[in-house]
Amino acid sequence: MLNPYYEQELNNLRTLAAEFGRRNPALAPLLGSSAAVDADVERVLEGVAFLTGLVHQRLDDDFPEFTQTLAQMLFPHFLRPMPCMTILRLNAPADGARAVRVPVGTAYGSVPIDGERAIFRSTQQVDIEPLAMSGLSWERGNGQPALRLNLQFAPGMAAQWRGDRLRFWLGGSLAEAANLYRVLMRQVTRIEMSAPDQAPQRLPASALRPAGFEQAEALVPWPAGAHPAWRLLYDYFALPEKLLFVDLTGLSAWRERRGDLLQLRLVLDSLPDWAPDLTESSLVLNATPAVNLYRHDAHPLQVDHRQPAYRIQPVSQGRGQRRIFSIEDVRGRTAQGQESTYQPFSALAGGAPSYQMRLKPALNEGSGYDCYLSFPLHQGDAGAMRTVSVNLLCTDGPRPDGLRLGEIGQATDSSPARVGCTNIMGVTPYREPTGQGTLLWRVLSHLNANHVTLADCEHLRDLLSLYLSWQRGSDYRQAAGQRQVDALQDVQVRQERRLARGMAVEGSAIEVVCRGSHFAGPGAVFLFGAMLDEFFASCAAVNTFTALTLTDGETGEQLSWPAKVGRGRLL
């Protein structure tokens, strides 16, 4: 299909030419009217339609230059696409005789898609220990209920193991996983660990901690100019499963290591009737989120400052066009060998060489957008031709959307030998950068959020909607997220003063009221509250605290989180 702007302008020219020809028969042959078609005139009309279509497209530009410059300085994540995401499970080496550390950014490939595989990189470090789960069940007896978990070590490895922490991902459906997450975070009173026929050692409930909220565990590289609080909203609406990780710590305290079996009992104060049935996928070791991002080079640019901007094109685009996620490095070199490094214009680098990035709707329909770089002149640049190399972070766009369970896990140059991998959840859909005339609205809404209090239900709902609307589409995630945003009923804030380590600290006690029926279950309500708890703390001023209470406006049930300063708990 041709560009709609071109089609519209060509249709206008033909319609106007026919009407003018009827009124002026003597000039009809010069206009290519239906009465006297001239092939040369038709070519001229097509050329004029192409040029006027470009002008029309520029006037309707989804990425106005001023708004883009402002967004690059304050909210650069709005100018980036949302890549496909999933959860990977790494498999221990066959012998299982030693621990293996798989660093952040390890790449795994998918099955070929149109002849080329998609690359997914891990976003968390994974420590593969010489053990595996061998049993998971609820204990329902006359005493306190518990979750029983058995860990089987490789032969002879239990006595040598010096690990202190295990990270689990809560799998299965999102609703059931969130319910289990709530049980683990709120119902556990103590943890018992022992070998068979051995008296148990006790760990406090605090040994079980939420994971996945830290800045270092962000789904995508977070821009330096963007507030870290916005990253929490991005992660939650992009991949809520990313927050369903828990760390079990203090395991180095296990003393009498007889045999190769470690038995863990997570003792509960009660077992709710909505607690999910446990399967082998309910708790997963060695899991990590993964994102379809990878480093790639662009075709070199010959910059002579004779044109306002230069289009950036990834090398070897292949059958599925790569999308540019971000520009990582820009370097120039003159014929005389003089090298220079360009800084983003938004970095306000003074007189240093700089570049500005611009997004424009792609000329080829279905290609999303094109990325252009412009290079403001600085001292000594006039007349100097430079070859500019650009290093990119790229995504495969919508190409991986159709990948299914088990279709990601092929080894790459960066993946450890003998460590297998597979994706244990489906792939989230790719989303284009903010466009469709909404970039200015997003920027202004965010600027407004900096000047009004978030202790207002309407303002909070509007802010959450900025990140939910990124999920535009008809998939179930967008619908579920919209119901959660619509669930907000009221926000109340009280200014309080509390003692922390012998000092009086001022802060805010926040109560959020929502409709519990808008969520997939009690666990989904709790997960939403856990995200808001971290979000409010990230927005709080230095040396103040926040303490969140989430109230179900339909049942009256309340969930409270301990007061925290930043990420540090007061208690």
Protein backbone atom coordinates (compact mmCIF):
# COMPACT_ATOMS: atom_id res chain seq x y z
CA MET A 1 0.00 0.00 0.00
CA LEU A 2 1.27 3.47 -0.90
CA ASN A 3 1.86 6.19 1.64
CA PRO A 4 -1.62 7.57 2.56
CA TYR A 5 -0.40 11.15 2.25
CA TYR A 6 0.73 10.48 -1.33
CA GLU A 7 -2.55 8.77 -2.17
CA GLN A 8 -4.58 11.62 -0.72
CA GLU A 9 -2.64 14.34 -2.57
CA LEU A 10 -2.72 12.43 -5.88
CA ASN A 11 -6.47 11.92 -5.54
CA ASN A 12 -6.92 15.63 -4.80
CA LEU A 13 -4.88 16.61 -7.87
CA ARG A 14 -6.83 14.28 -10.15
CA THR A 15 -10.17 15.46 -8.79
CA LEU A 16 -9.24 19.13 -9.08
CA ALA A 17 -7.71 18.62 -12.53
CA ALA A 18 -10.87 16.93 -13.81
CA GLU A 19 -13.07 19.70 -12.41
CA PHE A 20 -10.82 22.43 -13.85
CA GLY A 21 -10.74 20.64 -17.21
CA ARG A 22 -14.53 20.61 -17.43
CA ARG A 23 -14.63 24.34 -16.84
CA ASN A 24 -11.70 25.02 -19.20
CA PRO A 25 -11.83 22.47 -22.05
CA ALA A 26 -8.95 24.12 -23.91
CA LEU A 27 -6.58 23.44 -20.99
CA ALA A 28 -7.80 19.90 -20.28
CA PRO A 29 -5.00 18.16 -22.24
CA LEU A 30 -2.39 20.01 -20.16
CA LEU A 31 -3.91 18.74 -16.91
CA GLY A 32 -4.33 15.09 -17.84
CA SER A 33 -8.10 15.16 -17.44
CA SER A 34 -10.13 12.07 -18.19
CA ALA A 35 -11.05 13.54 -21.57
CA ALA A 36 -7.47 13.67 -22.74
CA VAL A 37 -5.00 11.64 -20.68
CA ASP A 38 -1.33 12.45 -21.19
CA ALA A 39 1.24 10.06 -19.68
CA ASP A 40 3.77 12.84 -19.14
CA VAL A 41 1.22 14.98 -17.32
CA GLU A 42 0.35 11.96 -15.17
CA ARG A 43 4.00 11.62 -14.14
CA VAL A 44 4.14 15.32 -13.25
CA LEU A 45 1.00 14.98 -11.12
CA GLU A 46 2.49 11.98 -9.32
CA GLY A 47 5.68 13.90 -8.61
CA VAL A 48 3.77 16.90 -7.30
CA ALA A 49 1.61 14.57 -5.17
CA PHE A 50 4.74 13.01 -3.66
CA LEU A 51 6.23 16.40 -2.74
CA THR A 52 3.01 17.87 -1.37
CA GLY A 53 2.42 14.62 0.53
CA LEU A 54 5.75 15.10 2.28
CA VAL A 55 4.74 18.65 3.20
CA HIS A 56 1.38 17.41 4.51
CA GLN A 57 3.10 14.68 6.50
CA ARG A 58 5.49 17.22 8.01
CA LEU A 59 2.59 19.43 9.07
CA ASP A 60 0.95 16.42 10.75
CA ASP A 61 4.24 15.30 12.28
CA ASP A 62 3.73 13.08 15.33
CA PHE A 63 7.22 14.06 16.53
CA PRO A 64 7.43 17.89 16.54
CA GLU A 65 11.00 19.07 17.00
CA PHE A 66 10.49 21.30 20.03
CA THR A 67 8.52 18.64 21.89
CA GLN A 68 11.15 16.02 21.07
CA THR A 69 13.95 18.24 22.40
CA LEU A 70 12.05 18.74 25.64
CA ALA A 71 11.25 15.04 25.90
CA GLN A 72 14.89 14.06 25.33
CA MET A 73 15.94 16.21 28.28
CA LEU A 74 13.21 15.20 30.74
CA PHE A 75 11.41 12.04 29.57
CA PRO A 76 13.65 10.34 26.99
CA HIS A 77 11.93 6.99 27.53
CA PHE A 78 8.90 8.30 25.60
CA LEU A 79 11.04 8.45 22.45
CA ARG A 80 11.98 4.78 22.68
CA PRO A 81 9.98 1.74 21.57
CA MET A 82 8.90 -0.95 24.01
CA PRO A 83 10.62 -4.18 22.93
CA CYS A 84 9.26 -7.69 23.28
CA MET A 85 9.83 -9.22 26.72
CA THR A 86 9.63 -12.62 28.37
CA ILE A 87 10.89 -14.73 31.29
CA LEU A 88 13.75 -17.19 30.74
CA ARG A 89 14.69 -20.20 32.85
CA LEU A 90 18.36 -21.18 32.79
CA ASN A 91 19.20 -24.85 33.19
CA ALA A 92 22.11 -26.03 35.30
CA PRO A 93 24.97 -27.94 33.63
CA ALA A 94 24.31 -31.65 33.27
CA ASP A 95 26.87 -32.62 35.93
CA GLY A 96 25.53 -29.96 38.34
CA ALA A 97 28.78 -30.11 40.26
CA ARG A 98 29.51 -26.40 40.58
CA ALA A 99 27.83 -23.03 40.79
CA VAL A 100 27.65 -20.92 37.62
CA ARG A 101 27.13 -17.16 37.49
CA VAL A 102 25.31 -15.84 34.43
CA PRO A 103 25.76 -12.05 34.25
CA VAL A 104 23.24 -9.39 33.30
CA GLY A 105 23.04 -8.92 29.55
CA THR A 106 23.66 -12.54 28.56
CA ALA A 107 22.13 -13.11 25.13
CA TYR A 108 20.04 -16.04 23.91
CA GLY A 109 18.53 -16.50 20.46
CA SER A 110 15.09 -17.58 19.32
CA VAL A 111 14.15 -20.05 16.63
CA PRO A 112 14.54 -18.44 13.18
CA ILE A 113 11.83 -15.95 12.22
CA ASP A 114 11.80 -15.23 8.48
CA GLY A 115 15.27 -16.74 8.33
CA GLU A 116 16.76 -14.69 11.17
CA ARG A 117 16.60 -15.32 14.90
CA ALA A 118 15.67 -12.68 17.49
CA ILE A 119 18.08 -11.93 20.34
CA PHE A 120 16.92 -11.63 23.96
CA ARG A 121 19.19 -10.40 26.76
CA SER A 122 18.76 -11.14 30.46
CA THR A 123 18.10 -8.25 32.84
CA GLN A 124 19.14 -9.92 36.10
CA GLN A 125 22.22 -11.77 37.25
CA VAL A 126 21.49 -15.46 37.79
CA ASP A 127 23.53 -17.63 40.16
CA ILE A 128 22.91 -21.25 39.22
CA GLU A 129 23.57 -23.30 42.34
CA PRO A 130 24.31 -27.07 42.37
CA LEU A 131 20.78 -27.95 43.48
CA ALA A 132 17.28 -28.43 42.12
CA MET A 133 13.76 -28.44 43.51
CA SER A 134 12.49 -31.92 44.29
CA GLY A 135 9.21 -31.22 46.03
CA LEU A 136 6.71 -28.42 46.66
CA SER A 137 3.47 -28.74 48.60
CA TRP A 138 1.17 -27.18 51.19
CA GLU A 139 1.07 -28.65 54.69
CA ARG A 140 -2.43 -28.58 56.11
CA GLY A 141 -2.60 -30.24 59.50
CA ASN A 142 -3.70 -29.60 63.04
CA GLY A 143 -0.80 -27.23 63.58
CA GLN A 144 0.21 -24.16 61.66
CA PRO A 145 -0.02 -24.52 57.89
CA ALA A 146 3.20 -24.30 55.91
CA LEU A 147 4.69 -24.43 52.46
CA ARG A 148 7.16 -27.31 52.24
CA LEU A 149 10.01 -27.03 49.75
CA ASN A 150 12.70 -29.67 49.17
CA LEU A 151 16.01 -28.83 47.50
CA GLN A 152 18.14 -31.70 46.19
CA PHE A 153 21.89 -31.05 45.91
CA ALA A 154 24.22 -32.71 43.45
CA PRO A 155 25.99 -35.64 45.16
CA GLY A 156 28.45 -34.40 47.77
CA MET A 157 27.73 -30.71 47.13
CA ALA A 158 25.61 -29.88 50.19
CA ALA A 159 28.58 -29.88 52.56
CA GLN A 160 30.63 -27.71 50.19
CA TRP A 161 27.91 -25.21 49.32
CA ARG A 162 28.54 -21.73 50.71
CA GLY A 163 25.63 -19.91 49.14
CA ASP A 164 23.43 -17.63 51.22
CA ARG A 165 20.63 -16.64 48.84
CA LEU A 166 18.25 -18.31 46.43
CA ARG A 167 16.00 -16.36 44.08
CA PHE A 168 12.66 -17.81 43.01
CA TRP A 169 10.26 -16.66 40.32
CA LEU A 170 6.57 -17.29 40.90
CA GLY A 171 5.20 -18.86 37.73
CA GLY A 172 1.89 -20.08 36.39
CA SER A 173 -0.91 -17.69 35.52
CA LEU A 174 -0.40 -14.09 36.61
CA ALA A 175 -3.40 -14.21 38.95
CA GLU A 176 -2.28 -17.42 40.71
CA ALA A 177 1.34 -16.28 40.90
CA ALA A 178 0.26 -12.97 42.46
CA ASN A 179 -1.85 -14.86 45.02
CA LEU A 180 1.15 -16.98 45.99
CA TYR A 181 3.28 -13.83 46.14
CA ARG A 182 0.88 -12.31 48.66
CA VAL A 183 0.93 -15.47 50.78
CA LEU A 184 4.74 -15.47 50.88
CA MET A 185 5.02 -11.75 51.63
CA ARG A 186 2.22 -11.54 54.24
CA GLN A 187 1.45 -14.94 55.78
CA VAL A 188 4.93 -16.35 56.55
CA THR A 189 5.84 -16.16 60.27
CA ARG A 190 9.12 -18.09 60.24
CA ILE A 191 11.24 -20.35 58.06
CA GLU A 192 12.63 -23.72 59.15
CA MET A 193 15.48 -25.49 57.37
CA SER A 194 16.93 -28.91 58.06
CA ALA A 195 18.27 -32.10 56.58
CA PRO A 196 16.12 -35.26 56.99
CA ASP A 197 15.87 -36.46 60.61
CA GLN A 198 17.54 -33.27 61.84
CA ALA A 199 16.25 -30.62 64.23
CA PRO A 200 15.25 -27.57 62.19
CA GLN A 201 17.06 -24.26 62.29
CA ARG A 202 14.91 -21.17 62.25
CA LEU A 203 15.11 -18.06 60.09
CA PRO A 204 12.90 -15.00 60.59
CA ALA A 205 10.15 -14.17 58.12
CA SER A 206 12.27 -11.20 57.00
CA ALA A 207 14.66 -13.69 55.35
CA LEU A 208 12.09 -13.85 52.54
CA ARG A 209 12.25 -10.58 50.61
CA PRO A 210 10.69 -9.11 47.46
CA ALA A 211 13.03 -8.78 44.49
CA GLY A 212 12.94 -7.13 41.10
CA PHE A 213 12.25 -3.54 42.19
CA GLU A 214 15.82 -2.24 42.19
CA GLN A 215 17.12 0.22 39.62
CA ALA A 216 19.85 -2.24 38.63
CA GLU A 217 17.12 -4.74 37.69
CA ALA A 218 15.27 -2.45 35.27
CA LEU A 219 13.76 -4.12 32.24
CA VAL A 220 15.40 -1.71 29.79
CA PRO A 221 18.42 0.60 30.17
CA TRP A 222 16.91 3.57 31.93
CA PRO A 223 17.91 7.02 30.63
CA ALA A 224 19.96 9.14 33.01
CA GLY A 225 17.63 12.09 32.51
CA ALA A 226 14.47 10.19 33.48
CA HIS A 227 13.28 10.02 37.08
CA PRO A 228 13.69 6.49 38.54
CA ALA A 229 10.10 6.57 39.83
CA TRP A 230 8.80 6.51 36.25
CA ARG A 231 10.79 3.31 35.69
CA LEU A 232 8.63 1.50 38.26
CA LEU A 233 5.48 2.41 36.33
CA TYR A 234 7.10 1.38 33.05
CA ASP A 235 8.15 -2.02 34.42
CA TYR A 236 4.82 -2.73 36.08
CA PHE A 237 2.66 -2.09 33.03
CA ALA A 238 5.16 -3.58 30.58
CA LEU A 239 5.79 -6.88 32.41
CA PRO A 240 4.16 -7.28 35.86
CA GLU A 241 5.62 -10.80 36.04
CA LYS A 242 8.99 -9.11 36.47
CA LEU A 243 7.98 -8.12 40.03
CA LEU A 244 7.10 -11.70 41.03
CA PHE A 245 10.60 -12.58 42.24
CA VAL A 246 11.45 -13.34 45.87
CA ASP A 247 14.81 -13.85 47.57
CA LEU A 248 15.31 -16.41 50.34
CA THR A 249 18.34 -15.30 52.34
CA GLY A 250 20.28 -16.52 55.37
CA LEU A 251 20.82 -20.05 54.05
CA SER A 252 24.51 -19.96 54.97
CA ALA A 253 23.35 -20.44 58.58
CA TRP A 254 22.53 -24.10 57.79
CA ARG A 255 25.01 -25.98 59.96
CA GLU A 256 24.50 -29.75 60.09
CA ARG A 257 24.53 -30.67 56.40
CA ARG A 258 23.83 -34.39 56.35
CA GLY A 259 23.09 -35.94 53.01
CA ASP A 260 22.16 -34.01 49.90
CA LEU A 261 18.63 -32.85 50.76
CA LEU A 262 17.66 -29.49 52.27
CA GLN A 263 14.11 -29.30 53.60
CA LEU A 264 12.50 -25.87 53.96
CA ARG A 265 9.23 -25.13 55.76
CA LEU A 266 7.74 -21.68 55.36
CA VAL A 267 5.38 -21.61 58.35
CA LEU A 268 2.23 -19.51 57.86
CA ASP A 269 -0.09 -17.82 60.33
CA SER A 270 -2.97 -19.01 58.13
CA LEU A 271 -3.57 -20.39 54.66
CA PRO A 272 -6.22 -18.34 52.80
CA ASP A 273 -8.84 -20.19 50.80
CA TRP A 274 -7.69 -18.30 47.68
CA ALA A 275 -4.16 -19.71 47.95
CA PRO A 276 -3.34 -21.40 44.62
CA ASP A 277 -2.69 -25.07 44.05
CA LEU A 278 1.04 -25.70 43.81
CA THR A 279 2.70 -27.18 40.73
CA GLU A 280 6.30 -27.53 39.61
CA SER A 281 6.00 -24.16 37.86
CA SER A 282 4.78 -22.31 40.97
CA LEU A 283 8.33 -21.67 42.19
CA VAL A 284 11.10 -21.55 39.60
CA LEU A 285 14.83 -21.34 40.24
CA ASN A 286 17.32 -19.69 37.87
CA ALA A 287 14.81 -17.42 36.14
CA THR A 288 15.33 -13.93 34.75
CA PRO A 289 13.38 -11.43 32.66
CA ALA A 290 14.74 -11.00 29.14
CA VAL A 291 14.25 -8.24 26.60
CA ASN A 292 14.68 -8.17 22.82
CA LEU A 293 17.57 -5.67 22.80
CA TYR A 294 21.08 -5.97 21.42
CA ARG A 295 23.98 -3.78 20.32
CA HIS A 296 24.32 -3.08 16.63
CA ASP A 297 26.16 -0.73 14.29
CA ALA A 298 24.68 1.79 11.89
CA HIS A 299 25.96 2.56 8.42
CA PRO A 300 28.71 5.22 8.68
CA LEU A 301 27.66 8.79 7.96
CA GLN A 302 29.56 11.27 5.80
CA VAL A 303 28.88 14.51 7.67
CA ASP A 304 29.70 17.73 5.81
CA HIS A 305 26.98 19.95 7.36
CA ARG A 306 25.37 20.51 3.95
CA GLN A 307 22.11 18.90 5.04
CA PRO A 308 20.17 19.47 8.24
CA ALA A 309 19.91 15.82 9.33
CA TYR A 310 21.22 12.38 8.45
CA ARG A 311 19.12 9.23 8.55
CA ILE A 312 20.45 6.43 10.74
CA GLN A 313 20.13 2.94 9.27
CA PRO A 314 21.24 -0.24 11.08
CA VAL A 315 23.66 -2.39 9.07
CA SER A 316 22.25 -5.49 7.32
CA GLN A 317 18.63 -4.95 8.12
CA GLY A 318 17.61 -8.26 6.57
CA ARG A 319 14.01 -9.26 5.93
CA GLY A 320 12.73 -8.00 9.27
CA GLN A 321 13.62 -4.36 9.75
CA ARG A 322 15.43 -3.57 12.95
CA ARG A 323 14.13 -0.73 15.10
CA ILE A 324 16.49 1.67 16.85
CA PHE A 325 15.94 1.66 20.62
CA SER A 326 18.65 4.15 21.59
CA ILE A 327 21.91 5.67 20.41
CA GLU A 328 24.76 4.46 22.58
CA ASP A 329 27.85 6.09 21.09
CA VAL A 330 28.65 8.58 18.31
CA ARG A 331 32.23 9.15 17.15
CA GLY A 332 33.62 11.18 14.26
CA ARG A 333 36.92 11.03 12.39
CA THR A 334 38.34 13.44 9.82
CA ALA A 335 40.50 12.50 6.82
CA GLN A 336 43.50 13.75 8.80
CA GLY A 337 42.79 11.23 11.58
CA GLN A 338 41.37 13.68 14.11
CA GLU A 339 38.82 11.91 16.30
CA SER A 340 36.00 13.35 18.36
CA THR A 341 33.22 11.95 20.53
CA TYR A 342 29.78 13.49 20.20
CA GLN A 343 27.58 14.01 23.25
CA PRO A 344 23.77 14.20 23.18
CA PHE A 345 22.60 17.77 22.80
CA SER A 346 20.32 17.22 25.80
CA ALA A 347 23.42 16.62 27.96
CA LEU A 348 24.21 20.35 27.67
CA ALA A 349 27.88 19.60 27.07
CA GLY A 350 28.84 23.23 26.40
CA GLY A 351 31.20 23.65 23.46
CA ALA A 352 31.84 19.93 23.00
CA PRO A 353 30.71 18.28 19.73
CA SER A 354 27.09 17.24 20.06
CA TYR A 355 24.25 15.62 18.17
CA GLN A 356 20.48 15.84 18.23
CA MET A 357 18.21 12.90 17.54
CA ARG A 358 14.90 13.24 15.72
CA LEU A 359 12.19 10.66 15.10
CA LYS A 360 10.07 10.97 11.99
CA PRO A 361 7.27 8.74 10.70
CA ALA A 362 8.77 6.25 8.25
CA LEU A 363 8.25 6.88 4.56
CA ASN A 364 7.67 3.15 4.09
CA GLU A 365 4.35 2.22 5.62
CA GLY A 366 4.66 -0.48 8.27
CA SER A 367 8.25 0.47 9.13
CA GLY A 368 7.25 2.50 12.17
CA TYR A 369 9.62 5.43 12.32
CA ASP A 370 12.96 6.68 11.04
CA CYS A 371 15.74 8.09 13.20
CA TYR A 372 17.76 11.13 12.13
CA LEU A 373 20.84 12.78 13.63
CA SER A 374 21.76 16.43 13.23
CA PHE A 375 25.14 17.86 14.20
CA PRO A 376 25.20 21.49 15.37
CA LEU A 377 28.29 23.35 14.19
CA HIS A 378 30.95 24.02 16.78
CA GLN A 379 34.29 25.76 16.61
CA GLY A 380 36.57 24.24 13.98
CA ASP A 381 33.81 22.27 12.27
CA ALA A 382 33.15 24.57 9.31
CA GLY A 383 33.98 22.77 6.08
CA ALA A 384 35.39 19.70 7.84
CA MET A 385 34.16 16.39 6.40
CA ARG A 386 33.84 13.69 9.05
CA THR A 387 33.05 10.01 8.90
CA VAL A 388 30.73 9.39 11.83
CA SER A 389 30.22 5.93 13.30
CA VAL A 390 27.11 5.28 15.38
CA ASN A 391 26.68 2.44 17.85
CA LEU A 392 23.06 1.51 18.52
CA LEU A 393 20.90 -0.48 20.84
CA CYS A 394 18.35 -2.20 18.57
CA THR A 395 15.24 -4.32 18.79
CA ASP A 396 13.67 -6.60 16.20
CA GLY A 397 10.41 -4.66 16.33
CA PRO A 398 7.22 -6.74 16.06
CA ARG A 399 9.01 -9.71 14.48
CA PRO A 400 9.25 -11.77 17.74
CA ASP A 401 5.59 -11.16 18.70
CA GLY A 402 4.53 -14.64 17.63
CA LEU A 403 7.17 -16.60 19.57
CA ARG A 404 5.71 -19.29 21.81
CA LEU A 405 6.83 -21.15 24.94
CA GLY A 406 10.16 -22.89 24.50
CA GLU A 407 11.16 -21.06 21.30
CA ILE A 408 13.86 -18.88 22.90
CA GLY A 409 17.04 -20.47 24.19
CA GLN A 410 19.59 -20.91 21.42
CA ALA A 411 23.17 -20.30 22.53
CA THR A 412 25.06 -17.19 21.45
CA ASP A 413 28.63 -15.95 21.81
CA SER A 414 27.86 -14.47 25.23
CA SER A 415 25.96 -17.40 26.76
CA PRO A 416 27.90 -19.72 29.10
CA ALA A 417 28.86 -23.14 27.84
CA ARG A 418 26.73 -26.03 29.10
CA VAL A 419 24.02 -23.72 30.47
CA GLY A 420 20.75 -24.32 28.64
CA CYS A 421 17.85 -21.89 28.48
CA THR A 422 14.17 -21.73 27.55
CA ASN A 423 11.42 -19.13 27.79
CA ILE A 424 8.73 -20.15 30.27
CA MET A 425 6.17 -17.49 29.39
CA GLY A 426 4.91 -15.99 26.17
CA VAL A 427 6.40 -12.90 24.56
CA THR A 428 4.80 -9.51 25.20
CA PRO A 429 3.94 -7.50 22.06
CA TYR A 430 6.23 -4.82 20.66
CA ARG A 431 5.10 -1.18 20.94
CA GLU A 432 6.23 1.79 18.87
CA PRO A 433 7.51 4.99 20.52
CA THR A 434 4.99 7.53 21.69
CA GLY A 435 3.36 9.03 18.62
CA GLN A 436 -0.08 9.45 17.11
CA GLY A 437 -0.11 13.06 18.30
CA THR A 438 0.29 12.06 21.98
CA LEU A 439 3.92 13.01 22.66
CA LEU A 440 3.10 16.62 23.53
CA TRP A 441 0.24 15.45 25.75
CA ARG A 442 2.53 13.04 27.61
CA VAL A 443 5.23 15.65 28.15
CA LEU A 444 2.77 18.27 29.40
CA SER A 445 1.06 15.72 31.66
CA HIS A 446 4.37 14.75 33.20
CA LEU A 447 5.38 18.38 33.68
CA ASN A 448 2.04 18.96 35.37
CA ALA A 449 2.71 16.01 37.68
CA ASN A 450 5.85 17.81 38.89
CA HIS A 451 3.79 20.83 39.97
CA VAL A 452 0.71 19.19 41.46
CA THR A 453 0.49 16.71 44.31
CA LEU A 454 0.14 13.03 43.55
CA ALA A 455 -2.10 12.91 46.62
CA ASP A 456 -5.04 13.45 44.30
CA CYS A 457 -6.90 10.53 42.83
CA GLU A 458 -7.46 12.13 39.44
CA HIS A 459 -3.82 13.20 39.08
CA LEU A 460 -2.56 9.76 40.12
CA ARG A 461 -4.95 8.08 37.69
CA ASP A 462 -3.79 10.36 34.88
CA LEU A 463 -0.14 9.61 35.63
CA LEU A 464 -0.68 5.84 35.60
CA SER A 465 -2.61 6.21 32.35
CA LEU A 466 0.46 7.73 30.68
CA TYR A 467 2.23 4.39 31.02
CA LEU A 468 -0.83 2.26 30.47
CA SER A 469 -1.61 3.99 27.17
CA TRP A 470 1.83 2.89 25.96
CA GLN A 471 0.21 -0.55 25.87
CA ARG A 472 -2.30 0.60 23.26
CA GLY A 473 -3.83 -2.37 21.53
CA SER A 474 -6.46 -5.01 22.14
CA ASP A 475 -4.46 -7.53 24.18
CA TYR A 476 -5.56 -8.64 27.63
CA ARG A 477 -2.73 -6.77 29.37
CA GLN A 478 -4.05 -3.42 28.21
CA ALA A 479 -7.58 -4.29 29.34
CA ALA A 480 -6.40 -5.55 32.75
CA GLY A 481 -4.24 -2.48 33.27
CA GLN A 482 -7.09 -0.15 32.36
CA ARG A 483 -9.34 -1.80 34.95
CA GLN A 484 -6.66 -1.34 37.61
CA VAL A 485 -6.30 2.36 36.83
CA ASP A 486 -10.08 2.75 36.83
CA ALA A 487 -10.19 1.00 40.22
CA LEU A 488 -8.68 4.02 42.00
CA GLN A 489 -11.36 5.77 44.07
CA ASP A 490 -9.59 8.08 46.50
CA VAL A 491 -6.17 9.17 47.75
CA GLN A 492 -5.68 10.76 51.18
CA VAL A 493 -2.39 11.99 52.66
CA ARG A 494 -1.61 12.91 56.27
CA GLN A 495 1.62 14.61 57.25
CA GLU A 496 3.18 12.80 60.23
CA ARG A 497 6.34 12.73 62.30
CA ARG A 498 7.81 9.40 63.40
CA LEU A 499 10.89 8.26 65.28
CA ALA A 500 13.56 6.47 63.26
CA ARG A 501 16.82 5.46 64.92
CA GLY A 502 16.19 7.95 67.68
CA MET A 503 15.48 10.86 65.34
CA ALA A 504 12.21 12.51 64.38
CA VAL A 505 11.49 12.13 60.66
CA GLU A 506 8.70 13.90 58.84
CA GLY A 507 6.78 12.18 56.12
CA SER A 508 3.46 11.22 54.60
CA ALA A 509 0.96 8.54 55.56
CA ILE A 510 -0.81 7.72 52.30
CA GLU A 511 -4.12 5.90 52.00
CA VAL A 512 -5.24 4.74 48.56
CA VAL A 513 -8.77 3.41 48.16
CA CYS A 514 -9.55 1.14 45.21
CA ARG A 515 -12.15 -1.34 43.99
CA GLY A 516 -10.86 -4.85 44.60
CA SER A 517 -13.27 -6.34 42.07
CA HIS A 518 -11.30 -4.63 39.27
CA PHE A 519 -8.32 -6.92 39.93
CA ALA A 520 -7.75 -10.56 39.03
CA GLY A 521 -7.64 -11.57 42.69
CA PRO A 522 -6.31 -10.68 46.16
CA GLY A 523 -2.75 -11.17 44.99
CA ALA A 524 -3.15 -8.72 42.10
CA VAL A 525 -4.37 -6.08 44.57
CA PHE A 526 -1.29 -6.69 46.72
CA LEU A 527 1.10 -6.54 43.76
CA PHE A 528 -0.43 -3.23 42.67
CA GLY A 529 0.02 -1.90 46.20
CA ALA A 530 3.63 -3.09 46.36
CA MET A 531 4.36 -1.15 43.18
CA LEU A 532 2.67 1.98 44.54
CA ASP A 533 4.61 1.64 47.80
CA GLU A 534 7.92 1.72 45.93
CA PHE A 535 6.67 4.46 43.61
CA PHE A 536 5.62 6.84 46.38
CA ALA A 537 8.91 6.30 48.21
CA SER A 538 10.84 7.10 45.03
CA CYS A 539 8.86 10.34 44.67
CA ALA A 540 9.36 11.42 48.29
CA ALA A 541 11.71 14.28 49.17
CA VAL A 542 15.08 13.61 50.74
CA ASN A 543 14.96 12.76 54.48
CA THR A 544 11.22 12.16 54.48
CA PHE A 545 9.27 8.91 54.62
CA THR A 546 6.17 7.44 53.06
CA ALA A 547 3.86 4.84 54.59
CA LEU A 548 1.20 3.35 52.32
CA THR A 549 -2.14 1.82 53.23
CA LEU A 550 -4.20 0.30 50.42
CA THR A 551 -7.90 -0.08 51.21
CA ASP A 552 -10.43 -2.12 49.28
CA GLY A 553 -13.39 0.25 49.05
CA GLU A 554 -15.79 -2.66 48.50
CA THR A 555 -14.79 -4.99 51.36
CA GLY A 556 -12.96 -2.62 53.72
CA GLU A 557 -9.87 -4.86 53.77
CA GLN A 558 -6.63 -2.94 54.36
CA LEU A 559 -3.05 -3.69 53.35
CA SER A 560 -0.27 -1.66 54.97
CA TRP A 561 3.42 -1.35 54.17
CA PRO A 562 6.13 -0.28 56.65
CA ALA A 563 7.30 3.32 56.44
CA LYS A 564 10.38 3.80 54.32
CA VAL A 565 12.80 6.57 53.43
CA GLY A 566 13.73 6.11 49.81
CA ARG A 567 14.43 2.40 49.61
CA GLY A 568 15.50 2.09 53.27
CA ARG A 569 12.97 0.68 55.72
CA LEU A 570 12.53 2.64 58.95
CA LEU A 571 11.87 -0.54 60.90
